[in-house]
Amino acid sequence: MTAAPAGPDAAASERIPAYVKAGFALGDHTVNVQLATVSLFFLFFLTEIAGLPPSWAGLVLLAGRGVDAVTDPLMGRLSDQTRWSGGRRRPYFLLGAVPFGLTFALLWADSGLTQAHAIVLYYGAVYVLNTLCSTVLAVPYMALLPEIALDYHERTSMNSYRMVGVVAAIALAAIGMPVLVKAFGGEAGGWAGAGRVLAVWVAIPWLVVFGVTWERPGLRGRADAPNLRTAMRRLVAHRSYRILTGLFLSARIAVDVAGALLIFFFTWWLGRPDDFPIALGLMLAGVVISLPLWLGLARRMDKRVVFIAGGLLWSLTLFGLLVVEPETPRWAVFALMGLAGAGYGVADLVPWAMLGDVIDEDELKGGERRDGIYAGSFTFLRKLGGASGVALAGFALEGAGFVRGAKDQPESALLAIRLLVTLGPVFFLLVACWIATRYPLTRHRHTEITIRLAASRAASASGAARP
């Protein structure tokens, strides 16, 4: 196990070893295998394999969000107040790994049911259990990031590694899931077999995350901290966090609306279902290739500027996809998808890097370190954005006359697919960019916060040391 740097408040300028960043990124890799498979395939699975109407399938996705509205912030508060000898965050990695894998496998299992309401209840219940297990892991995990990386730029660097883990997860979901389904014979049995394999994949890496991480005792919250209701009121009252949640939620909806309908776009609009994995792979390659560029810009510019630049770039490529026709050359579609990846990655990378700065500002104002409740609320927003996007897509498809299992779709459904993949995400991206212009925590402001926090922690440590 990696030891923490000396002292409860190691210098903010410390550099985190690359192997720690890579090992830490495995945690978000596993969470995003779940998120990506659900975003890309669960609507398809529920309609084409389980036999649900699109609107009913959307309700399954929304079922978990009502529970998450309570459990994610509650888990954050719980991890803030945990007083185990092994730490307040890391022990949850060991507790949640196996249940996370088991419930993930059940998501793709054949329910054996024939009545639509029974199928909805089964998959809704399993999805709720799986998201609860995800909460137990993801909330303490994300709360640990700003504690490990105190430096403004190191947080962005750690999030870059995390983004690579996310890209690998999406690639595994987009390419590996169909390959595994086919390898296990296709149809319901193929999906169940693929789910079992990926269940093992998402459980094991948490042992590595546990081994490479540490906690800083000096950054623990107060034992006499206020209750959850009071803590949530303080959270809502924090202006910087309100602005950050607005831009993040808008960006996540854009990400997941596009993600959920992309397979429909290639299958029914372009008539090229075999091109979908290639196109998505090129998009993810664009994410990875562009990360050094965004990281370099983030060292020279405010994070909000980088977010806006990425959002506008992605919007331009989506406008390009809007005019794509079935006759458009493959190379042109592939080029657009690769360019889209360069902007897509920023939608997730930068807001999480901003979160640590917001937590620092909150500590300076309130005198309490509350990484957990912030991470819990942010994790809920990530899930809410995904579920809302997929649910909206399901309702829109059904309203446009989408016919489950049909080889050819009506013109209204094809138009809905095109608009949902392009102009829908563009709208939410432009909203996110506008909100980002109001974000107040610049590099200069965060430097001031860091200096004042260091002085405050030093004073507290000196006072605690006196007899």
Protein backbone atom coordinates (compact mmCIF):
# COMPACT_ATOMS: atom_id res chain seq x y z
CA MET A 1 0.00 0.00 0.00
CA THR A 2 1.26 3.45 -0.91
CA ALA A 3 2.04 5.71 2.00
CA ALA A 4 0.75 9.27 2.07
CA PRO A 5 3.24 12.07 1.72
CA ALA A 6 4.67 13.22 5.00
CA GLY A 7 2.50 15.45 7.11
CA PRO A 8 -1.24 15.96 7.09
CA ASP A 9 -0.92 18.88 4.67
CA ALA A 10 1.81 18.01 2.23
CA ALA A 11 2.81 20.82 -0.08
CA ALA A 12 0.17 21.67 -2.62
CA SER A 13 2.82 21.57 -5.34
CA GLU A 14 3.71 17.89 -4.75
CA ARG A 15 3.73 15.62 -7.79
CA ILE A 16 1.70 12.43 -7.73
CA PRO A 17 3.56 9.40 -9.18
CA ALA A 18 2.32 8.21 -12.56
CA TYR A 19 1.60 4.70 -11.28
CA VAL A 20 -0.71 6.14 -8.61
CA LYS A 21 -2.60 8.14 -11.23
CA ALA A 22 -2.88 5.08 -13.48
CA GLY A 23 -3.98 2.81 -10.64
CA PHE A 24 -6.49 5.36 -9.42
CA ALA A 25 -7.94 5.68 -12.93
CA LEU A 26 -8.96 2.01 -12.83
CA GLY A 27 -11.76 2.91 -10.41
CA ASP A 28 -13.49 5.26 -12.82
CA HIS A 29 -12.77 2.76 -15.59
CA THR A 30 -14.97 0.16 -13.88
CA VAL A 31 -17.73 2.66 -13.07
CA ASN A 32 -17.75 3.82 -16.68
CA VAL A 33 -17.91 0.29 -18.04
CA GLN A 34 -21.25 0.15 -16.22
CA LEU A 35 -22.30 3.66 -17.29
CA ALA A 36 -21.24 3.16 -20.91
CA THR A 37 -22.86 -0.23 -21.40
CA VAL A 38 -26.08 1.13 -19.91
CA SER A 39 -25.90 4.32 -21.98
CA LEU A 40 -25.02 2.60 -25.25
CA PHE A 41 -26.90 -0.68 -25.06
CA PHE A 42 -29.41 -0.90 -22.22
CA LEU A 43 -32.19 0.92 -24.09
CA PHE A 44 -31.51 -1.36 -27.07
CA PHE A 45 -31.40 -4.45 -24.81
CA LEU A 46 -34.64 -3.59 -23.03
CA THR A 47 -36.51 -2.94 -26.28
CA GLU A 48 -35.04 -5.51 -28.66
CA ILE A 49 -34.16 -8.37 -26.26
CA ALA A 50 -36.41 -7.91 -23.21
CA GLY A 51 -39.32 -6.75 -25.38
CA LEU A 52 -40.31 -3.50 -23.67
CA PRO A 53 -41.76 -0.45 -25.44
CA PRO A 54 -39.19 2.39 -25.57
CA SER A 55 -41.08 4.56 -23.05
CA TRP A 56 -41.28 1.68 -20.54
CA ALA A 57 -37.57 1.02 -21.05
CA GLY A 58 -36.91 4.67 -20.25
CA LEU A 59 -38.78 4.26 -16.96
CA VAL A 60 -36.37 1.50 -15.95
CA LEU A 61 -33.49 3.97 -16.32
CA LEU A 62 -35.29 6.62 -14.31
CA ALA A 63 -36.08 4.17 -11.50
CA GLY A 64 -32.54 4.28 -10.17
CA ARG A 65 -32.33 8.05 -10.23
CA GLY A 66 -35.05 8.58 -7.64
CA VAL A 67 -33.07 6.40 -5.23
CA ASP A 68 -29.77 8.07 -6.15
CA ALA A 69 -31.20 11.49 -5.27
CA VAL A 70 -31.02 10.37 -1.64
CA THR A 71 -28.31 7.71 -1.55
CA ASP A 72 -25.52 9.53 -3.40
CA PRO A 73 -25.42 12.58 -1.08
CA LEU A 74 -26.06 10.29 1.91
CA MET A 75 -23.12 8.10 0.91
CA GLY A 76 -20.98 11.20 0.56
CA ARG A 77 -21.91 12.37 4.03
CA LEU A 78 -21.37 8.88 5.43
CA SER A 79 -17.86 8.70 4.00
CA ASP A 80 -17.10 12.18 5.38
CA GLN A 81 -18.02 10.98 8.86
CA THR A 82 -16.63 7.41 8.75
CA ARG A 83 -14.07 6.80 11.50
CA TRP A 84 -12.70 3.36 10.61
CA SER A 85 -9.05 2.60 11.32
CA GLY A 86 -8.56 1.78 7.63
CA GLY A 87 -9.78 5.23 6.58
CA ARG A 88 -13.06 6.89 5.76
CA ARG A 89 -13.06 6.26 1.97
CA ARG A 90 -10.86 3.33 0.95
CA PRO A 91 -12.54 0.49 2.93
CA TYR A 92 -15.68 0.97 0.83
CA PHE A 93 -13.70 -0.14 -2.23
CA LEU A 94 -13.38 -3.61 -0.69
CA LEU A 95 -16.97 -3.71 0.56
CA GLY A 96 -18.60 -2.73 -2.73
CA ALA A 97 -16.55 -4.49 -5.40
CA VAL A 98 -18.17 -7.95 -5.41
CA PRO A 99 -21.82 -6.77 -5.10
CA PHE A 100 -21.15 -4.29 -7.92
CA GLY A 101 -20.01 -7.12 -10.18
CA LEU A 102 -22.87 -9.45 -9.27
CA THR A 103 -25.62 -6.90 -9.84
CA PHE A 104 -24.00 -5.84 -13.12
CA ALA A 105 -24.25 -9.43 -14.37
CA LEU A 106 -27.94 -9.52 -13.42
CA LEU A 107 -28.61 -6.41 -15.53
CA TRP A 108 -28.03 -8.44 -18.69
CA ALA A 109 -29.54 -11.74 -17.55
CA ASP A 110 -32.70 -13.15 -19.11
CA SER A 111 -35.50 -12.47 -16.63
CA GLY A 112 -37.59 -15.33 -18.01
CA LEU A 113 -40.67 -13.11 -17.63
CA THR A 114 -43.29 -12.43 -20.30
CA GLN A 115 -45.51 -9.68 -18.87
CA ALA A 116 -44.28 -6.15 -19.55
CA HIS A 117 -45.01 -4.88 -16.04
CA ALA A 118 -43.11 -7.81 -14.51
CA ILE A 119 -40.14 -7.23 -16.81
CA VAL A 120 -40.08 -3.54 -15.83
CA LEU A 121 -40.16 -4.45 -12.14
CA TYR A 122 -37.34 -6.97 -12.52
CA TYR A 123 -34.94 -4.78 -14.47
CA GLY A 124 -35.92 -1.71 -12.47
CA ALA A 125 -35.11 -3.48 -9.19
CA VAL A 126 -31.80 -4.88 -10.48
CA TYR A 127 -30.81 -1.51 -11.88
CA VAL A 128 -31.54 0.17 -8.54
CA LEU A 129 -29.37 -2.42 -6.74
CA ASN A 130 -26.57 -1.97 -9.24
CA THR A 131 -26.62 1.82 -8.92
CA LEU A 132 -26.58 1.48 -5.12
CA CYS A 133 -23.45 -0.67 -5.36
CA SER A 134 -21.97 1.87 -7.76
CA THR A 135 -22.71 4.61 -5.22
CA VAL A 136 -20.85 2.76 -2.46
CA LEU A 137 -17.77 2.69 -4.68
CA ALA A 138 -17.93 5.83 -6.80
CA VAL A 139 -18.76 8.45 -4.17
CA PRO A 140 -15.85 7.70 -1.78
CA TYR A 141 -13.64 7.21 -4.84
CA MET A 142 -14.33 10.64 -6.31
CA ALA A 143 -14.15 12.24 -2.86
CA LEU A 144 -10.61 10.86 -2.54
CA LEU A 145 -9.27 12.58 -5.67
CA PRO A 146 -9.03 16.18 -4.36
CA GLU A 147 -7.57 14.80 -1.13
CA ILE A 148 -4.75 12.97 -2.93
CA ALA A 149 -4.03 15.84 -5.35
CA LEU A 150 -3.95 19.18 -3.54
CA ASP A 151 -2.36 21.06 -6.42
CA TYR A 152 -4.53 22.92 -8.99
CA HIS A 153 -2.69 21.42 -11.96
CA GLU A 154 -2.16 17.95 -10.47
CA ARG A 155 -5.92 17.63 -10.14
CA THR A 156 -6.27 18.25 -13.85
CA SER A 157 -3.48 15.74 -14.52
CA MET A 158 -5.14 13.06 -12.37
CA ASN A 159 -8.41 13.70 -14.15
CA SER A 160 -6.59 13.27 -17.47
CA TYR A 161 -5.47 9.80 -16.39
CA ARG A 162 -9.00 9.16 -15.19
CA MET A 163 -10.28 10.27 -18.59
CA VAL A 164 -8.06 7.68 -20.28
CA GLY A 165 -9.67 5.08 -18.01
CA VAL A 166 -13.08 6.39 -19.05
CA VAL A 167 -12.16 6.18 -22.76
CA ALA A 168 -10.93 2.61 -22.29
CA ALA A 169 -14.23 1.80 -20.56
CA ILE A 170 -16.32 3.25 -23.38
CA ALA A 171 -14.19 1.39 -25.94
CA LEU A 172 -14.62 -1.85 -24.01
CA ALA A 173 -18.36 -1.29 -23.81
CA ALA A 174 -18.78 -0.25 -27.45
CA ILE A 175 -16.52 -2.86 -29.01
CA GLY A 176 -16.17 -5.58 -26.38
CA MET A 177 -19.85 -5.89 -25.51
CA PRO A 178 -21.02 -6.71 -29.07
CA VAL A 179 -18.06 -9.08 -29.57
CA LEU A 180 -18.86 -10.91 -26.33
CA VAL A 181 -22.57 -11.08 -27.14
CA LYS A 182 -21.73 -12.68 -30.48
CA ALA A 183 -19.18 -15.03 -28.89
CA PHE A 184 -21.81 -16.32 -26.48
CA GLY A 185 -24.26 -17.04 -29.29
CA GLY A 186 -26.21 -13.79 -29.55
CA GLU A 187 -29.81 -13.19 -28.49
CA ALA A 188 -30.65 -13.33 -24.76
CA GLY A 189 -27.97 -15.92 -23.93
CA GLY A 190 -25.29 -13.84 -25.60
CA TRP A 191 -26.15 -10.74 -23.57
CA ALA A 192 -26.18 -12.76 -20.34
CA GLY A 193 -22.77 -14.29 -21.09
CA ALA A 194 -21.27 -10.89 -21.93
CA GLY A 195 -22.67 -9.50 -18.68
CA ARG A 196 -20.98 -12.24 -16.65
CA VAL A 197 -17.57 -11.61 -18.22
CA LEU A 198 -17.74 -7.85 -17.72
CA ALA A 199 -18.99 -8.37 -14.15
CA VAL A 200 -15.63 -9.88 -13.24
CA TRP A 201 -13.87 -7.08 -15.10
CA VAL A 202 -15.59 -4.32 -13.10
CA ALA A 203 -15.00 -5.95 -9.69
CA ILE A 204 -11.31 -6.89 -9.65
CA PRO A 205 -9.66 -3.46 -10.31
CA TRP A 206 -10.91 -2.09 -6.99
CA LEU A 207 -8.19 -4.11 -5.25
CA VAL A 208 -5.62 -2.10 -7.21
CA VAL A 209 -7.33 1.20 -6.41
CA PHE A 210 -7.29 0.30 -2.74
CA GLY A 211 -3.59 -0.59 -2.91
CA VAL A 212 -2.26 2.58 -4.60
CA THR A 213 -4.29 5.21 -2.74
CA TRP A 214 -4.00 6.85 0.67
CA GLU A 215 -5.88 9.28 2.88
CA ARG A 216 -4.73 12.40 4.70
CA PRO A 217 -5.83 12.33 8.35
CA GLY A 218 -5.38 16.09 8.56
CA LEU A 219 -8.17 16.67 6.03
CA ARG A 220 -10.89 14.72 7.83
CA GLY A 221 -14.19 16.41 8.59
CA ARG A 222 -15.30 17.42 12.05
CA ALA A 223 -16.88 14.77 14.24
CA ASP A 224 -19.55 17.31 15.28
CA ALA A 225 -20.45 18.23 11.69
CA PRO A 226 -24.10 19.21 10.95
CA ASN A 227 -26.67 16.66 9.77
CA LEU A 228 -27.34 15.79 6.13
CA ARG A 229 -30.20 18.27 5.70
CA THR A 230 -28.13 21.16 7.01
CA ALA A 231 -25.14 20.05 4.95
CA MET A 232 -27.26 19.94 1.79
CA ARG A 233 -28.60 23.44 2.46
CA ARG A 234 -25.02 24.67 2.70
CA LEU A 235 -24.24 22.86 -0.53
CA VAL A 236 -27.09 24.57 -2.38
CA ALA A 237 -26.08 27.93 -0.92
CA HIS A 238 -22.56 27.61 -2.39
CA ARG A 239 -22.70 29.77 -5.54
CA SER A 240 -19.62 28.29 -7.24
CA TYR A 241 -21.03 24.79 -6.81
CA ARG A 242 -24.45 25.78 -8.16
CA ILE A 243 -22.81 27.12 -11.31
CA LEU A 244 -20.62 24.03 -11.65
CA THR A 245 -23.59 21.67 -11.29
CA GLY A 246 -25.47 23.56 -13.97
CA LEU A 247 -22.72 23.26 -16.55
CA PHE A 248 -21.93 19.63 -15.60
CA LEU A 249 -25.54 18.42 -15.75
CA SER A 250 -26.08 20.10 -19.11
CA ALA A 251 -22.89 18.57 -20.48
CA ARG A 252 -23.77 15.09 -19.17
CA ILE A 253 -27.19 15.18 -20.80
CA ALA A 254 -25.50 16.09 -24.09
CA VAL A 255 -23.02 13.22 -23.68
CA ASP A 256 -25.63 10.60 -22.90
CA VAL A 257 -28.33 11.65 -25.38
CA ALA A 258 -25.73 11.40 -28.15
CA GLY A 259 -24.35 8.15 -26.76
CA ALA A 260 -27.71 6.42 -26.42
CA LEU A 261 -28.82 7.25 -29.99
CA LEU A 262 -25.51 6.81 -31.82
CA ILE A 263 -26.11 3.10 -32.45
CA PHE A 264 -29.59 3.98 -33.77
CA PHE A 265 -28.02 6.66 -36.02
CA PHE A 266 -25.65 4.18 -37.66
CA THR A 267 -28.16 1.32 -37.79
CA TRP A 268 -31.31 2.98 -39.10
CA TRP A 269 -30.31 6.36 -40.56
CA LEU A 270 -27.03 5.50 -42.26
CA GLY A 271 -27.83 1.79 -42.67
CA ARG A 272 -24.26 0.92 -41.60
CA PRO A 273 -24.49 -0.90 -38.23
CA ASP A 274 -21.04 -2.47 -38.75
CA ASP A 275 -19.51 1.02 -38.92
CA PHE A 276 -20.69 1.91 -35.42
CA PRO A 277 -17.82 0.25 -33.47
CA ILE A 278 -15.25 1.71 -35.89
CA ALA A 279 -16.69 5.21 -35.66
CA LEU A 280 -16.91 5.08 -31.89
CA GLY A 281 -13.35 3.76 -31.71
CA LEU A 282 -12.15 6.71 -33.80
CA MET A 283 -14.05 9.11 -31.59
CA LEU A 284 -12.40 7.66 -28.49
CA ALA A 285 -9.01 7.84 -30.21
CA GLY A 286 -9.73 11.54 -30.73
CA VAL A 287 -10.34 11.88 -26.98
CA VAL A 288 -7.00 10.29 -26.05
CA ILE A 289 -4.98 12.11 -28.71
CA SER A 290 -6.41 15.48 -27.70
CA LEU A 291 -5.88 15.04 -23.94
CA PRO A 292 -2.28 16.37 -23.94
CA LEU A 293 -3.50 19.44 -25.81
CA TRP A 294 -6.30 20.14 -23.31
CA LEU A 295 -3.96 19.45 -20.39
CA GLY A 296 -1.44 21.90 -21.79
CA LEU A 297 -4.12 24.54 -22.28
CA ALA A 298 -5.38 23.97 -18.74
CA ARG A 299 -1.90 24.85 -17.43
CA ARG A 300 -2.06 28.19 -19.23
CA MET A 301 -5.74 29.11 -19.09
CA ASP A 302 -8.61 28.98 -16.64
CA LYS A 303 -10.48 25.68 -16.62
CA ARG A 304 -13.73 27.33 -17.68
CA VAL A 305 -12.06 28.61 -20.87
CA VAL A 306 -10.88 25.10 -21.72
CA PHE A 307 -14.38 23.73 -21.08
CA ILE A 308 -15.98 26.31 -23.39
CA ALA A 309 -13.43 25.64 -26.15
CA GLY A 310 -14.11 21.90 -26.01
CA GLY A 311 -17.86 22.36 -25.91
CA LEU A 312 -17.88 24.63 -28.95
CA LEU A 313 -15.61 22.27 -30.90
CA TRP A 314 -17.90 19.33 -30.19
CA SER A 315 -20.95 21.39 -31.17
CA LEU A 316 -19.40 22.18 -34.56
CA THR A 317 -18.78 18.51 -35.29
CA LEU A 318 -22.37 17.65 -34.33
CA PHE A 319 -23.59 20.22 -36.85
CA GLY A 320 -21.48 18.32 -39.36
CA LEU A 321 -23.19 15.04 -38.47
CA LEU A 322 -26.56 16.70 -39.00
CA VAL A 323 -25.93 16.97 -42.75
CA VAL A 324 -24.56 13.43 -43.08
CA GLU A 325 -26.64 11.29 -45.46
CA PRO A 326 -26.64 7.53 -46.14
CA GLU A 327 -24.65 8.33 -49.29
CA THR A 328 -21.95 10.29 -47.43
CA PRO A 329 -18.51 8.63 -47.83
CA ARG A 330 -17.40 6.56 -44.89
CA TRP A 331 -14.15 8.49 -44.54
CA ALA A 332 -16.06 11.75 -44.03
CA VAL A 333 -18.22 10.23 -41.28
CA PHE A 334 -15.18 8.70 -39.61
CA ALA A 335 -13.30 12.03 -39.77
CA LEU A 336 -16.19 13.83 -38.10
CA MET A 337 -16.34 11.21 -35.34
CA GLY A 338 -12.61 11.53 -34.66
CA LEU A 339 -12.86 15.31 -34.48
CA ALA A 340 -15.91 15.03 -32.21
CA GLY A 341 -13.82 13.07 -29.72
CA ALA A 342 -11.48 16.02 -29.24
CA GLY A 343 -14.36 18.07 -27.83
CA TYR A 344 -16.26 15.23 -26.20
CA GLY A 345 -13.55 14.48 -23.64
CA VAL A 346 -13.65 17.98 -22.18
CA ALA A 347 -17.29 17.61 -21.14
CA ASP A 348 -16.28 15.12 -18.45
CA LEU A 349 -12.62 15.95 -17.79
CA VAL A 350 -12.85 19.61 -16.83
CA PRO A 351 -15.90 19.67 -14.48
CA TRP A 352 -14.38 16.99 -12.25
CA ALA A 353 -11.13 18.97 -12.14
CA MET A 354 -13.18 22.04 -11.14
CA LEU A 355 -14.90 20.14 -8.31
CA GLY A 356 -11.77 19.95 -6.15
CA ASP A 357 -11.34 23.73 -6.39
CA VAL A 358 -14.96 24.23 -5.29
CA ILE A 359 -14.38 21.93 -2.30
CA ASP A 360 -11.34 23.99 -1.30
CA GLU A 361 -13.42 27.17 -1.41
CA ASP A 362 -16.08 25.54 0.76
CA GLU A 363 -13.49 24.44 3.33
CA LEU A 364 -12.13 27.98 3.51
CA LYS A 365 -15.61 29.40 4.12
CA GLY A 366 -16.97 26.74 6.48
CA GLY A 367 -13.89 25.31 8.20
CA GLU A 368 -14.90 21.73 7.34
CA ARG A 369 -13.58 19.40 4.64
CA ARG A 370 -16.65 17.94 2.87
CA ASP A 371 -15.28 16.10 -0.16
CA GLY A 372 -17.75 13.24 0.31
CA ILE A 373 -21.02 15.12 0.12
CA TYR A 374 -19.77 17.14 -2.86
CA ALA A 375 -18.66 13.97 -4.65
CA GLY A 376 -21.97 12.29 -3.77
CA SER A 377 -24.02 15.11 -5.20
CA PHE A 378 -21.81 15.30 -8.30
CA THR A 379 -22.01 11.54 -8.80
CA PHE A 380 -25.79 11.78 -8.65
CA LEU A 381 -25.70 14.48 -11.32
CA ARG A 382 -23.60 12.26 -13.56
CA LYS A 383 -26.14 9.44 -13.20
CA LEU A 384 -29.10 11.81 -13.50
CA GLY A 385 -27.70 13.24 -16.72
CA GLY A 386 -27.27 9.76 -18.17
CA ALA A 387 -30.67 8.43 -17.15
CA SER A 388 -32.46 11.62 -18.17
CA GLY A 389 -30.79 11.59 -21.56
CA VAL A 390 -31.64 7.95 -22.26
CA ALA A 391 -35.20 8.33 -20.92
CA LEU A 392 -35.78 11.44 -23.06
CA ALA A 393 -34.46 9.55 -26.06
CA GLY A 394 -36.82 6.64 -25.38
CA PHE A 395 -39.91 8.84 -25.08
CA ALA A 396 -38.92 10.87 -28.16
CA LEU A 397 -38.41 7.74 -30.26
CA GLU A 398 -41.75 6.29 -29.29
CA GLY A 399 -43.48 9.61 -29.91
CA ALA A 400 -41.88 9.76 -33.37
CA GLY A 401 -43.27 6.35 -34.29
CA PHE A 402 -40.19 4.15 -33.83
CA VAL A 403 -41.15 0.51 -34.45
CA ARG A 404 -39.34 -2.07 -32.34
CA GLY A 405 -37.76 -4.85 -34.38
CA ALA A 406 -38.60 -3.28 -37.74
CA LYS A 407 -36.03 -3.35 -40.52
CA ASP A 408 -37.25 0.00 -41.88
CA GLN A 409 -38.40 2.92 -39.74
CA PRO A 410 -40.87 5.70 -40.64
CA GLU A 411 -39.46 9.04 -41.76
CA SER A 412 -40.58 10.67 -38.49
CA ALA A 413 -38.49 8.20 -36.46
CA LEU A 414 -35.45 8.69 -38.70
CA LEU A 415 -35.74 12.47 -38.32
CA ALA A 416 -36.01 12.10 -34.54
CA ILE A 417 -32.86 9.95 -34.48
CA ARG A 418 -30.91 12.54 -36.50
CA LEU A 419 -32.02 15.47 -34.35
CA LEU A 420 -31.43 13.64 -31.06
CA VAL A 421 -27.87 12.73 -32.05
CA THR A 422 -27.01 16.25 -33.25
CA LEU A 423 -29.12 19.28 -32.36
CA GLY A 424 -30.29 17.87 -29.03
CA PRO A 425 -26.77 17.60 -27.61
CA VAL A 426 -25.79 20.93 -29.23
CA PHE A 427 -28.53 22.71 -27.29
CA PHE A 428 -27.34 21.34 -23.96
CA LEU A 429 -23.68 22.00 -24.82
CA LEU A 430 -24.37 25.64 -25.60
CA VAL A 431 -26.27 25.98 -22.32
CA ALA A 432 -23.28 24.47 -20.50
CA CYS A 433 -20.86 26.87 -22.21
CA TRP A 434 -23.01 29.86 -21.30
CA ILE A 435 -23.14 28.74 -17.66
CA ALA A 436 -19.36 28.26 -17.69
CA THR A 437 -18.85 31.96 -18.46
CA ARG A 438 -20.22 32.69 -14.97
CA TYR A 439 -17.91 30.28 -13.10
CA PRO A 440 -15.88 32.40 -10.62
CA LEU A 441 -12.93 30.19 -9.57
CA THR A 442 -10.05 31.28 -11.77
CA ARG A 443 -6.46 30.08 -11.36
CA HIS A 444 -5.60 33.28 -9.52
CA ARG A 445 -8.55 32.94 -7.14
CA HIS A 446 -7.69 29.31 -6.37
CA THR A 447 -4.08 30.23 -5.60
CA GLU A 448 -5.34 32.68 -3.00
CA ILE A 449 -7.61 30.00 -1.51
CA THR A 450 -4.74 27.49 -1.35
CA ILE A 451 -2.47 29.94 0.50
CA ARG A 452 -5.16 30.80 3.04
CA LEU A 453 -6.07 27.13 3.56
CA ALA A 454 -2.45 26.19 4.18
CA ALA A 455 -2.17 28.92 6.84
CA SER A 456 -5.45 27.85 8.45
CA ARG A 457 -4.46 24.16 8.58
CA ALA A 458 -1.04 25.03 9.99
CA ALA A 459 -2.67 27.11 12.71
CA SER A 460 -5.10 24.29 13.55
CA ALA A 461 -2.30 21.74 13.69
CA SER A 462 -0.23 24.01 15.94
CA GLY A 463 -3.16 24.52 18.28
CA ALA A 464 -3.90 20.79 18.44
CA ALA A 465 -0.25 20.08 19.31
CA ARG A 466 -0.21 22.32 22.38
CA PRO A 467 -0.54 20.51 25.74
